Amino acid sequence: MADAEPLILFSHKGWGSVLAEAMLELAGMPYRVEAIDMTKADTAMEKLRAANPLAQIPTLLLPDGTVMTESAAIALYLNDLAPQAGLMPPPGDPTRPVFLRWLAFLVAAVYPTFTYGDFPSRWVDDGPAAELLRASTDRHREWLWRQIEGQIAPAPWFLGERFSALDIYIGAMTRWRPRREWFAEHCPKLHAVALLADGLDKLKPIWRRNFDA
């Protein structure tokens, strides 16, 4: 794949694009990062909107011009191209239904709490309503994490002995609110998975680039 045309990943440091970046790295796919500051209406943002008018992060541009969004879809796509990376269990594996369940849960239940809570003024007027939306989504997110913690028994990974893309999600998303100290106290199993993901040699540059750690 070294001579293949690279995929282009539109990325904002520390945001959800880190999920796709880590998966691309593990899949061994040629790619380059197009850095975007999602808080600025500049030339880089114009490039993103030209590819994806919704201006979503991550947005992945394939060599043939196809645009991919949604980290779960990107995970499925990369697994098709590079199953040897082990991003998800193969069909017939007993852990595959578990993987699919929690992948969907992370992107459909947990991730939207950031979509609405990180910038509440996009959805409601500034002031008490925005503060309430931020606080309520934070509380709901903590409740969701506790549901995951109570239903899994990772040893050492989310799925047990098998690494998967779920461990990338945990490694990244536990760095967001309520952050690692909260997980260490309230969700120690997820915290242990996150620490293990931190130590993956191929991902260390990704974590440093996105989180300065």
Protein backbone atom coordinates (compact mmCIF):
# COMPACT_ATOMS: atom_id res chain seq x y z
CA MET A 1 0.00 0.00 0.00
CA ALA A 2 3.05 2.27 0.21
CA ASP A 3 2.65 3.41 -3.40
CA ALA A 4 -1.12 3.90 -3.17
CA GLU A 5 -2.60 7.37 -3.32
CA PRO A 6 -3.16 8.58 0.24
CA LEU A 7 -6.54 9.08 1.81
CA ILE A 8 -7.15 12.58 3.16
CA LEU A 9 -8.41 12.92 6.71
CA PHE A 10 -9.83 16.26 7.76
CA SER A 11 -8.88 16.53 11.40
CA HIS A 12 -9.21 18.89 14.34
CA LYS A 13 -6.69 18.25 17.10
CA GLY A 14 -8.17 16.22 19.93
CA TRP A 15 -11.64 15.91 18.37
CA GLY A 16 -13.41 12.85 17.00
CA SER A 17 -11.10 12.69 14.00
CA VAL A 18 -8.52 11.09 16.31
CA LEU A 19 -10.60 7.91 16.13
CA ALA A 20 -10.25 7.65 12.36
CA GLU A 21 -6.60 8.69 12.48
CA ALA A 22 -5.76 5.91 14.91
CA MET A 23 -7.64 3.34 12.84
CA LEU A 24 -5.91 4.45 9.66
CA GLU A 25 -2.56 4.08 11.39
CA LEU A 26 -3.27 0.56 12.63
CA ALA A 27 -4.69 -0.46 9.25
CA GLY A 28 -1.45 0.64 7.59
CA MET A 29 -3.29 2.79 5.08
CA PRO A 30 -1.48 5.69 3.38
CA TYR A 31 -3.11 8.90 4.53
CA ARG A 32 -2.40 12.52 5.23
CA VAL A 33 -4.01 14.80 7.73
CA GLU A 34 -5.63 18.04 6.59
CA ALA A 35 -5.63 20.08 9.79
CA ILE A 36 -8.80 22.07 10.45
CA ASP A 37 -9.62 24.57 13.16
CA MET A 38 -13.34 24.02 13.58
CA THR A 39 -13.67 27.35 15.39
CA LYS A 40 -12.50 29.40 12.40
CA ALA A 41 -14.07 30.18 9.03
CA ASP A 42 -10.85 30.07 7.03
CA THR A 43 -9.47 28.44 3.89
CA ALA A 44 -9.04 25.07 5.60
CA MET A 45 -12.68 25.12 6.65
CA GLU A 46 -13.68 25.95 3.08
CA LYS A 47 -11.83 22.83 1.90
CA LEU A 48 -13.73 20.74 4.42
CA ARG A 49 -17.08 22.20 3.39
CA ALA A 50 -16.26 21.58 -0.26
CA ALA A 51 -15.82 17.89 0.55
CA ASN A 52 -18.63 17.72 3.11
CA PRO A 53 -21.11 20.61 3.37
CA LEU A 54 -22.03 19.42 6.88
CA ALA A 55 -18.43 20.17 7.95
CA GLN A 56 -18.21 17.04 10.08
CA ILE A 57 -15.09 15.75 11.78
CA PRO A 58 -13.92 13.18 10.85
CA THR A 59 -14.36 13.47 7.11
CA LEU A 60 -12.31 11.03 5.06
CA LEU A 61 -11.72 11.64 1.36
CA LEU A 62 -10.93 8.51 -0.64
CA PRO A 63 -8.62 8.60 -3.69
CA ASP A 64 -11.57 8.28 -6.09
CA GLY A 65 -13.25 11.30 -4.53
CA THR A 66 -15.72 9.36 -2.37
CA VAL A 67 -16.43 11.10 0.92
CA MET A 68 -16.80 9.09 4.10
CA THR A 69 -18.07 10.38 7.43
CA GLU A 70 -19.12 8.69 10.69
CA SER A 71 -16.32 6.97 12.58
CA ALA A 72 -18.19 3.65 12.78
CA ALA A 73 -18.58 3.57 8.99
CA ILE A 74 -14.89 4.36 8.62
CA ALA A 75 -14.07 1.51 11.01
CA LEU A 76 -16.11 -0.95 8.95
CA TYR A 77 -14.54 0.30 5.72
CA LEU A 78 -10.97 0.04 7.01
CA ASN A 79 -11.63 -3.40 8.42
CA ASP A 80 -12.72 -4.53 4.95
CA LEU A 81 -9.47 -3.21 3.47
CA ALA A 82 -7.15 -4.39 6.24
CA PRO A 83 -8.72 -7.19 8.28
CA GLN A 84 -5.26 -8.14 9.52
CA ALA A 85 -5.29 -4.99 11.67
CA GLY A 86 -7.86 -6.60 13.94
CA LEU A 87 -10.12 -3.57 14.17
CA MET A 88 -13.13 -5.85 14.62
CA PRO A 89 -13.79 -9.55 15.10
CA PRO A 90 -14.52 -11.48 11.91
CA PRO A 91 -17.98 -12.85 11.06
CA GLY A 92 -18.70 -15.94 13.11
CA ASP A 93 -16.50 -14.87 16.01
CA PRO A 94 -18.52 -14.95 19.26
CA THR A 95 -17.31 -11.48 20.19
CA ARG A 96 -18.53 -9.87 16.96
CA PRO A 97 -22.11 -9.23 18.18
CA VAL A 98 -20.68 -7.70 21.34
CA PHE A 99 -18.39 -5.51 19.29
CA LEU A 100 -21.18 -4.30 17.01
CA ARG A 101 -23.46 -3.56 19.95
CA TRP A 102 -20.99 -1.37 21.78
CA LEU A 103 -19.64 0.30 18.65
CA ALA A 104 -23.16 1.45 17.85
CA PHE A 105 -23.72 2.46 21.48
CA LEU A 106 -20.59 4.60 21.61
CA VAL A 107 -21.39 6.48 18.40
CA ALA A 108 -25.18 6.67 18.81
CA ALA A 109 -25.57 7.19 22.55
CA VAL A 110 -22.34 8.54 24.07
CA TYR A 111 -20.90 10.63 21.23
CA PRO A 112 -24.03 12.79 20.72
CA THR A 113 -23.73 14.06 24.28
CA PHE A 114 -20.65 15.94 23.09
CA THR A 115 -22.37 17.07 19.91
CA TYR A 116 -25.03 18.86 21.94
CA GLY A 117 -23.13 19.59 25.14
CA ASP A 118 -19.80 20.94 23.91
CA PHE A 119 -21.30 23.97 22.16
CA PRO A 120 -24.80 24.34 23.64
CA SER A 121 -25.25 27.82 22.15
CA ARG A 122 -25.63 26.14 18.75
CA TRP A 123 -28.90 24.69 19.96
CA VAL A 124 -30.26 27.06 22.62
CA ASP A 125 -29.79 30.68 23.62
CA ASP A 126 -26.72 31.55 25.68
CA GLY A 127 -27.33 31.79 29.40
CA PRO A 128 -29.22 29.45 31.73
CA ALA A 129 -30.55 27.26 28.91
CA ALA A 130 -27.06 26.67 27.52
CA GLU A 131 -25.66 25.97 30.98
CA LEU A 132 -28.46 23.50 31.65
CA LEU A 133 -27.88 21.69 28.35
CA ARG A 134 -24.16 21.41 29.07
CA ALA A 135 -24.74 20.14 32.61
CA SER A 136 -27.49 17.70 31.66
CA THR A 137 -25.53 16.14 28.81
CA ASP A 138 -22.50 15.81 31.09
CA ARG A 139 -24.59 13.98 33.71
CA HIS A 140 -26.20 11.74 31.11
CA ARG A 141 -22.80 10.87 29.65
CA GLU A 142 -21.52 9.80 33.04
CA TRP A 143 -24.58 7.58 33.45
CA LEU A 144 -23.96 6.03 30.03
CA TRP A 145 -20.34 5.28 30.87
CA ARG A 146 -21.46 3.57 34.06
CA GLN A 147 -23.81 1.37 32.03
CA ILE A 148 -20.89 0.23 29.89
CA GLU A 149 -18.68 -0.31 32.92
CA GLY A 150 -21.30 -2.48 34.57
CA GLN A 151 -21.83 -4.74 31.56
CA ILE A 152 -18.31 -5.52 30.42
CA ALA A 153 -15.43 -7.39 31.97
CA PRO A 154 -12.37 -6.35 29.98
CA ALA A 155 -9.29 -8.42 30.59
CA PRO A 156 -7.25 -6.74 29.33
CA TRP A 157 -9.17 -5.22 26.38
CA PHE A 158 -12.80 -4.19 25.99
CA LEU A 159 -13.63 -7.56 24.39
CA GLY A 160 -11.32 -9.53 26.66
CA GLU A 161 -8.20 -11.01 25.09
CA ARG A 162 -9.00 -9.55 21.64
CA PHE A 163 -7.99 -5.98 20.76
CA SER A 164 -10.50 -4.07 18.63
CA ALA A 165 -11.44 -0.60 17.49
CA LEU A 166 -13.48 -0.28 20.69
CA ASP A 167 -10.20 0.14 22.55
CA ILE A 168 -9.35 3.08 20.31
CA TYR A 169 -12.67 4.69 21.18
CA ILE A 170 -12.08 4.18 24.89
CA GLY A 171 -8.52 5.46 24.65
CA ALA A 172 -9.70 8.68 23.01
CA MET A 173 -13.11 9.30 24.56
CA THR A 174 -11.90 8.89 28.15
CA ARG A 175 -9.67 11.93 27.51
CA TRP A 176 -12.81 14.03 27.04
CA ARG A 177 -15.18 15.11 29.79
CA PRO A 178 -15.38 13.82 32.49
CA ARG A 179 -11.74 12.86 31.78
CA ARG A 180 -9.38 10.24 33.09
CA GLU A 181 -9.50 11.02 36.82
CA TRP A 182 -13.24 10.45 36.83
CA PHE A 183 -12.85 7.14 35.01
CA ALA A 184 -10.17 5.99 37.41
CA GLU A 185 -12.60 6.50 40.29
CA HIS A 186 -15.94 5.51 38.76
CA CYS A 187 -15.14 3.24 35.79
CA PRO A 188 -11.88 1.46 36.61
CA LYS A 189 -12.32 -1.23 33.95
CA LEU A 190 -12.66 1.34 31.19
CA HIS A 191 -9.79 3.31 32.69
CA ALA A 192 -7.57 0.22 32.52
CA VAL A 193 -8.46 -0.28 28.84
CA ALA A 194 -7.62 3.37 28.15
CA LEU A 195 -4.22 3.08 29.80
CA LEU A 196 -3.45 -0.03 27.76
CA ALA A 197 -4.45 1.77 24.56
CA ASP A 198 -2.15 4.64 25.55
CA GLY A 199 0.77 2.24 25.44
CA LEU A 200 0.29 0.93 21.89
CA ASP A 201 3.47 1.89 20.06
CA LYS A 202 1.75 2.67 16.76
CA LEU A 203 -0.71 4.98 18.47
CA LYS A 204 1.64 6.90 20.75
CA PRO A 205 2.38 9.53 18.05
CA ILE A 206 -1.38 9.89 17.42
CA TRP A 207 -2.09 10.48 21.12
CA ARG A 208 0.77 12.99 21.38
CA ARG A 209 -0.29 14.86 18.27
CA ASN A 210 -3.88 15.13 19.44
CA PHE A 211 -3.57 15.41 23.20
CA ASP A 212 0.04 16.51 23.87
CA ALA A 213 0.51 13.45 26.03
